[in-house]
Protein backbone atom coordinates (compact mmCIF):
# COMPACT_ATOMS: atom_id res chain seq x y z
CA UNK A 1 10.94 38.95 -15.62
CA UNK A 2 10.70 38.65 -19.40
CA UNK A 3 7.38 37.35 -20.80
CA UNK A 4 9.06 34.26 -22.23
CA UNK A 5 10.54 33.40 -18.85
CA UNK A 6 7.20 33.92 -17.13
CA UNK A 7 5.54 31.55 -19.60
CA UNK A 8 8.29 28.99 -19.02
CA UNK A 9 7.88 29.21 -15.25
CA UNK A 10 4.12 28.73 -15.52
CA UNK A 11 4.57 25.74 -17.81
CA UNK A 12 7.09 24.13 -15.47
CA UNK A 13 4.80 24.57 -12.47
CA UNK A 14 1.96 22.95 -14.39
CA UNK A 15 4.16 20.02 -15.31
CA UNK A 16 5.00 19.55 -11.63
CA UNK A 17 1.31 19.40 -10.80
CA UNK A 18 -1.06 18.67 -13.72
CA UNK A 19 -4.03 19.65 -11.55
CA UNK A 20 -2.75 23.24 -11.64
CA UNK A 21 -2.86 23.22 -15.43
CA UNK A 22 -6.43 21.94 -15.42
CA UNK A 23 -7.54 24.50 -12.84
CA UNK A 24 -5.78 27.38 -14.57
CA UNK A 25 -7.29 26.45 -17.91
CA UNK A 26 -10.80 25.92 -16.57
CA UNK A 27 -11.14 28.76 -14.11
CA UNK A 28 -8.75 31.35 -15.50
CA UNK A 29 -8.78 34.68 -13.66
CA UNK A 30 -11.46 33.46 -11.24
CA UNK A 31 -8.90 31.48 -9.22
CA UNK A 32 -8.31 32.91 -5.75
CA UNK A 33 -4.61 33.53 -5.15
CA UNK A 34 -5.06 34.27 -1.42
CA UNK A 35 -7.02 31.30 -0.06
CA UNK A 36 -7.70 30.85 3.65
CA UNK A 37 -8.61 27.40 4.96
CA UNK A 38 -10.60 27.00 8.15
CA UNK A 39 -9.51 24.08 10.33
CA UNK A 40 -11.95 22.87 12.96
CA UNK A 41 -10.47 22.65 16.44
CA UNK A 42 -11.42 19.75 18.68
CA UNK A 43 -11.80 18.88 22.34
CA UNK A 44 -8.46 18.80 24.09
CA UNK A 45 -7.25 15.22 24.50
CA UNK A 46 -6.79 13.54 27.87
CA UNK A 47 -3.08 13.29 27.18
CA UNK A 48 -2.69 17.01 26.45
CA UNK A 49 -4.84 17.91 29.45
CA UNK A 50 -2.52 15.94 31.72
CA UNK A 51 0.63 17.36 30.15
CA UNK A 52 -0.66 20.94 30.02
CA UNK A 53 -3.10 21.55 32.89
CA UNK A 54 -4.81 24.87 32.60
CA UNK A 55 -7.82 26.58 31.06
CA UNK A 56 -7.47 24.85 27.68
CA UNK A 57 -10.52 23.19 26.18
CA UNK A 58 -9.52 22.75 22.53
CA UNK A 59 -6.44 22.13 20.43
CA UNK A 60 -5.19 21.88 16.88
CA UNK A 61 -2.19 19.84 15.78
CA UNK A 62 0.24 22.13 13.96
CA UNK A 63 0.92 19.49 11.30
CA UNK A 64 -2.48 20.28 9.76
CA UNK A 65 -1.63 23.97 9.68
CA UNK A 66 1.73 23.28 8.01
CA UNK A 67 0.05 20.88 5.58
CA UNK A 68 -2.18 23.70 4.36
CA UNK A 69 0.44 26.44 4.48
CA UNK A 70 2.86 24.29 2.49
CA UNK A 71 0.35 24.26 -0.37
CA UNK A 72 0.05 28.04 -0.48
CA UNK A 73 -2.89 28.85 1.79
CA UNK A 74 -3.30 30.43 5.19
CA UNK A 75 -5.20 28.97 8.14
CA UNK A 76 -7.96 30.28 10.38
CA UNK A 77 -8.95 28.12 13.36
CA UNK A 78 -12.68 27.38 13.56
CA UNK A 79 -14.00 27.16 17.11
CA UNK A 80 -16.01 24.34 18.64
CA UNK A 81 -19.52 24.63 20.01
CA UNK A 82 -20.51 27.89 18.38
CA UNK A 83 -23.85 29.08 17.05
CA UNK A 84 -25.19 28.40 13.58
CA UNK A 85 -24.69 32.11 12.84
CA UNK A 86 -20.99 31.83 13.68
CA UNK A 87 -20.44 28.96 11.24
CA UNK A 88 -22.50 30.72 8.55
CA UNK A 89 -20.29 33.76 8.99
CA UNK A 90 -16.91 32.02 8.98
CA UNK A 91 -17.77 29.79 6.01
CA UNK A 92 -18.63 32.91 4.06
CA UNK A 93 -15.09 34.17 4.65
CA UNK A 94 -12.82 31.12 4.36
CA UNK A 95 -12.39 29.19 1.11
CA UNK A 96 -12.58 25.65 2.45
CA UNK A 97 -12.63 23.62 5.67
CA UNK A 98 -10.35 20.85 6.90
CA UNK A 99 -11.77 18.42 9.48
CA UNK A 100 -8.71 16.99 11.24
CA UNK A 101 -8.04 13.62 12.77
CA UNK A 102 -7.96 13.02 16.49
CA UNK A 103 -9.80 11.13 19.20
CA UNK A 104 -13.04 13.02 19.80
CA UNK A 105 -16.31 11.23 20.51
CA UNK A 106 -19.27 12.01 18.27
CA UNK A 107 -21.88 12.23 21.07
CA UNK A 108 -20.39 15.21 22.95
CA UNK A 109 -22.73 18.20 23.19
CA UNK A 110 -21.26 21.21 21.35
CA UNK A 111 -18.29 19.05 20.43
CA UNK A 112 -16.39 18.12 17.29
CA UNK A 113 -19.21 16.20 15.56
CA UNK A 114 -21.93 18.77 16.27
CA UNK A 115 -19.70 21.56 15.01
CA UNK A 116 -18.72 19.54 11.94
CA UNK A 117 -22.39 18.86 11.22
CA UNK A 118 -23.19 22.57 11.09
CA UNK A 119 -20.24 23.09 8.75
CA UNK A 120 -21.26 20.16 6.55
CA UNK A 121 -24.84 21.35 6.22
CA UNK A 122 -23.84 24.91 5.39
CA UNK A 123 -21.26 23.72 2.85
CA UNK A 124 -23.84 21.42 1.27
CA UNK A 125 -26.20 24.34 0.82
CA UNK A 126 -23.44 26.54 -0.60
CA UNK A 127 -22.50 23.95 -3.18
CA UNK A 128 -26.12 23.19 -4.06
CA UNK A 129 -26.55 26.91 -4.77
CA UNK A 130 -23.50 27.00 -7.04
CA UNK A 131 -20.94 28.34 -4.54
CA UNK A 132 -17.98 25.95 -4.82
CA UNK A 133 -16.85 25.17 -1.28
CA UNK A 134 -14.59 22.18 -0.48
CA UNK A 135 -14.28 20.13 2.70
CA UNK A 136 -11.39 17.78 3.45
CA UNK A 137 -11.66 15.14 6.18
CA UNK A 138 -8.63 13.27 7.51
CA UNK A 139 -9.04 10.11 9.64
CA UNK A 140 -11.58 11.20 12.27
CA UNK A 141 -12.58 13.94 9.85
CA UNK A 142 -13.19 11.29 7.19
CA UNK A 143 -15.33 9.36 9.66
CA UNK A 144 -17.34 12.37 10.77
CA UNK A 145 -18.12 13.28 7.15
CA UNK A 146 -19.82 9.91 6.69
CA UNK A 147 -21.40 10.02 10.15
CA UNK A 148 -23.07 13.32 9.30
CA UNK A 149 -24.03 12.17 5.80
CA UNK A 150 -25.70 9.18 7.52
CA UNK A 151 -27.94 11.50 9.57
CA UNK A 152 -25.76 11.08 12.66
CA UNK A 153 -26.07 7.31 12.71
CA UNK A 154 -22.81 5.47 13.29
CA UNK A 155 -22.11 2.81 10.66
CA UNK A 156 -18.43 2.38 11.53
CA UNK A 157 -17.16 -1.04 12.49
CA UNK A 158 -14.31 -1.98 14.81
CA UNK A 159 -10.99 -2.46 13.10
CA UNK A 160 -7.34 -2.12 14.02
CA UNK A 161 -4.99 -0.24 11.76
CA UNK A 162 -2.61 1.42 14.17
CA UNK A 163 0.82 2.76 13.29
CA UNK A 164 0.77 1.15 9.84
CA UNK A 165 2.10 2.63 6.60
CA UNK A 166 0.65 0.91 3.53
CA UNK A 167 0.09 1.41 -0.21
CA UNK A 168 -3.41 2.11 -1.47
CA UNK A 169 -5.56 -0.50 -3.21
CA UNK A 170 -7.02 1.79 -5.87
CA UNK A 171 -10.32 0.87 -7.47
CA UNK A 172 -10.56 0.17 -11.19
CA UNK A 173 -12.36 3.45 -11.82
CA UNK A 174 -10.26 5.72 -9.58
CA UNK A 175 -9.50 7.93 -12.60
CA UNK A 176 -13.15 8.98 -12.70
CA UNK A 177 -12.62 10.84 -9.44
CA UNK A 178 -11.69 14.49 -9.15
CA UNK A 179 -9.06 13.60 -6.56
CA UNK A 180 -7.04 11.29 -8.81
CA UNK A 181 -8.14 12.33 -12.30
CA UNK A 182 -4.97 14.31 -12.97
CA UNK A 183 -2.51 12.40 -10.79
CA UNK A 184 0.65 11.46 -12.66
CA UNK A 185 1.38 7.83 -13.45
CA UNK A 186 4.47 8.09 -11.28
CA UNK A 187 2.44 9.26 -8.29
CA UNK A 188 -0.14 6.52 -8.82
CA UNK A 189 2.63 3.92 -8.99
CA UNK A 190 4.03 5.19 -5.69
CA UNK A 191 0.59 5.11 -4.07
CA UNK A 192 -0.02 1.54 -5.23
CA UNK A 193 3.40 0.03 -4.48
CA UNK A 194 5.02 1.92 -1.58
CA UNK A 195 4.15 2.28 2.10
CA UNK A 196 3.33 5.98 1.89
CA UNK A 197 -0.07 6.29 3.61
CA UNK A 198 0.07 6.12 7.40
CA UNK A 199 -2.92 4.83 9.37
CA UNK A 200 -3.81 5.06 13.04
CA UNK A 201 -7.49 4.35 13.66
CA UNK A 202 -9.77 1.91 15.47
CA UNK A 203 -12.92 2.39 13.40
CA UNK A 204 -13.54 1.82 9.69
CA UNK A 205 -16.13 2.07 6.96
CA UNK A 206 -16.61 -0.38 4.12
CA UNK A 207 -18.93 -0.47 1.12
CA UNK A 208 -21.56 -2.28 3.18
CA UNK A 209 -21.46 0.59 5.69
CA UNK A 210 -22.31 3.04 2.92
CA UNK A 211 -25.14 0.85 1.64
CA UNK A 212 -26.63 0.49 5.13
CA UNK A 213 -26.42 4.25 5.57
CA UNK A 214 -28.02 4.72 2.14
CA UNK A 215 -25.19 6.97 0.94
CA UNK A 216 -23.42 4.58 -1.43
CA UNK A 217 -24.76 6.57 -4.41
CA UNK A 218 -23.63 9.87 -2.88
CA UNK A 219 -19.98 8.95 -2.29
CA UNK A 220 -17.47 7.51 -4.73
CA UNK A 221 -14.87 5.12 -3.28
CA UNK A 222 -11.41 5.35 -4.85
CA UNK A 223 -9.33 3.06 -2.66
CA UNK A 224 -9.41 0.38 0.01
CA UNK A 225 -6.97 -1.04 2.52
CA UNK A 226 -6.96 -3.91 5.00
CA UNK A 227 -6.41 -3.78 8.73
CA UNK A 228 -4.25 -6.05 10.88
CA UNK A 229 -6.99 -8.73 10.77
CA UNK A 230 -7.40 -8.43 6.99
CA UNK A 231 -10.69 -6.52 7.29
CA UNK A 232 -11.24 -4.45 4.17
CA UNK A 233 -11.97 -0.76 4.70
CA UNK A 234 -12.40 2.38 2.60
CA UNK A 235 -9.31 4.60 2.59
CA UNK A 236 -10.25 7.38 0.13
CA UNK A 237 -13.56 8.68 -1.13
CA UNK A 238 -15.25 11.82 -2.41
CA UNK A 239 -18.78 13.10 -2.74
CA UNK A 240 -20.15 12.54 -6.23
CA UNK A 241 -21.40 16.09 -6.78
CA UNK A 242 -19.94 18.26 -3.99
CA UNK A 243 -16.19 18.89 -3.42
CA UNK A 244 -16.08 16.87 -0.20
CA UNK A 245 -13.07 14.56 0.21
CA UNK A 246 -12.08 12.04 2.86
CA UNK A 247 -8.97 9.99 3.56
CA UNK A 248 -8.73 7.47 6.39
CA UNK A 249 -4.94 7.87 6.52
CA UNK A 250 -2.83 10.88 7.55
CA UNK A 251 -1.08 12.64 4.63
CA UNK A 252 0.01 15.55 6.83
CA UNK A 253 2.20 13.38 9.05
CA UNK A 254 4.61 12.34 6.29
CA UNK A 255 6.18 15.79 6.23
CA UNK A 256 5.38 17.24 9.65
CA UNK A 257 5.31 14.64 12.44
CA UNK A 258 8.53 13.08 13.75
CA UNK A 259 7.66 11.32 16.99
CA UNK A 260 10.01 8.36 17.66
CA UNK A 261 8.38 4.94 17.51
CA UNK A 262 5.89 5.89 14.83
CA UNK A 263 6.21 4.24 11.44
CA UNK A 264 5.35 7.42 9.58
CA UNK A 265 7.05 7.35 6.15
CA UNK A 266 9.43 10.24 5.48
CA UNK A 267 10.87 9.14 2.13
CA UNK A 268 11.02 11.55 -0.78
CA UNK A 269 8.09 9.78 -2.41
CA UNK A 270 6.08 9.91 0.81
CA UNK A 271 6.61 13.67 0.96
CA UNK A 272 5.48 14.03 -2.66
CA UNK A 273 2.32 12.08 -1.83
CA UNK A 274 1.61 14.38 1.11
CA UNK A 275 2.19 17.43 -1.07
CA UNK A 276 -0.10 16.12 -3.79
CA UNK A 277 -3.07 15.88 -1.43
CA UNK A 278 -2.37 19.29 0.11
CA UNK A 279 -2.00 20.93 -3.30
CA UNK A 280 -5.19 19.32 -4.54
CA UNK A 281 -7.31 20.53 -1.64
CA UNK A 282 -5.93 24.07 -1.63
CA UNK A 283 -6.46 24.27 -5.41
CA UNK A 284 -10.08 23.28 -4.83
CA UNK A 285 -10.38 26.12 -2.32
CA UNK A 286 -9.04 28.60 -4.88
CA UNK A 287 -12.26 28.13 -6.87
CA UNK A 288 -14.35 30.45 -4.71
CA UNK A 289 -13.93 34.11 -3.88
CA UNK A 290 -14.95 34.10 -0.21
CA UNK A 291 -13.07 36.74 1.76
CA UNK A 292 -13.04 38.67 5.00
CA UNK A 293 -14.59 42.13 5.04
CA UNK A 294 -11.27 43.87 5.55
CA UNK A 295 -7.62 43.23 6.33
CA UNK A 296 -8.03 43.80 10.06
CA UNK A 297 -10.77 41.17 10.29
CA UNK A 298 -8.69 38.72 8.28
CA UNK A 299 -5.62 39.31 10.42
CA UNK A 300 -7.60 38.73 13.62
CA UNK A 301 -8.86 35.37 12.33
CA UNK A 302 -5.55 33.82 11.30
CA UNK A 303 -3.63 31.17 13.24
CA UNK A 304 -0.67 33.56 13.48
CA UNK A 305 -2.32 35.12 16.54
CA UNK A 306 -1.80 31.98 18.63
CA UNK A 307 1.42 30.48 19.99
CA UNK A 308 2.48 26.99 19.00
CA UNK A 309 3.67 24.67 21.78
CA UNK A 310 6.40 22.05 21.34
CA UNK A 311 4.27 19.28 22.84
CA UNK A 312 6.49 16.51 21.50
CA UNK A 313 9.17 17.28 24.07
CA UNK A 314 6.76 16.04 26.76
CA UNK A 315 5.89 12.88 24.86
CA UNK A 316 2.60 14.05 23.35
CA UNK A 317 1.20 12.36 20.25
CA UNK A 318 1.92 15.47 18.17
CA UNK A 319 5.21 17.31 17.84
CA UNK A 320 3.60 20.75 17.95
CA UNK A 321 0.10 21.87 18.97
CA UNK A 322 -1.94 25.01 19.34
CA UNK A 323 -3.72 25.00 22.71
CA UNK A 324 -6.84 27.16 22.99
CA UNK A 325 -8.74 28.47 25.99
CA UNK A 326 -12.53 28.25 26.05
CA UNK A 327 -14.21 30.86 23.87
């Protein structure tokens, strides 16, 4: 391709996503063009256990994998209930971690929350030492981020926001955040006026929760929403100094979950919103140079080694899942 055409292509891609322009300008050649995102697996749900009896003890909804792959990264599953050494090792090889939504309890020994805590603590140390390492939490992942930050004390309150697509109520200073700093005015307008963020959760955090947990100075709130009883809850936030991000809604479902009866938005604008969040997180992960020791080790770690199951045909909550045997 001619140099002029290459320059034009780069410029057009930056216009499509201003965050790319910022990252390319700031980090230059240091950007990682082959990022791998680790996604934490979680305890297999009661529903999946009934539908798929067998030796499975963990699962991963494929929509999270597609969410990451659609933004230009690959995925490595991160296993539950492993040693500190395991999580130290895998976080030194992947470029970021996604904590997915689901229905896991936080008090299970060697479960989702304990595993997430080890990841959170290691990532905190990495970032404190200057090694840029992002974490993204969706729904339950959002909740577990704050649970861990609160020293494993649960400051959630009961709420009911199930099967609801809503616009965000952005705060006045949302532009101060890394997450929304470079969002286009068009995207912000969509987020504020259209039902493009889908919620399905029974617990919430509000500003009082953060104050009681003594983490209100550590996390910046960028948006709120209200549940079916008009209770106000936090819907997006980020850590003030570390690249840790949480959303109470499910951006991955807009493009990748199609179960009948769910009010998941599939409009063009809803897809663009989903893509924005995926692009943002993967671009954050490009800012470190973590890698596997060799190609064989990398290949062995990737999600490609595991079959995906069309769980939606049996009425499961997810269209497609990866089902894992105990490790």
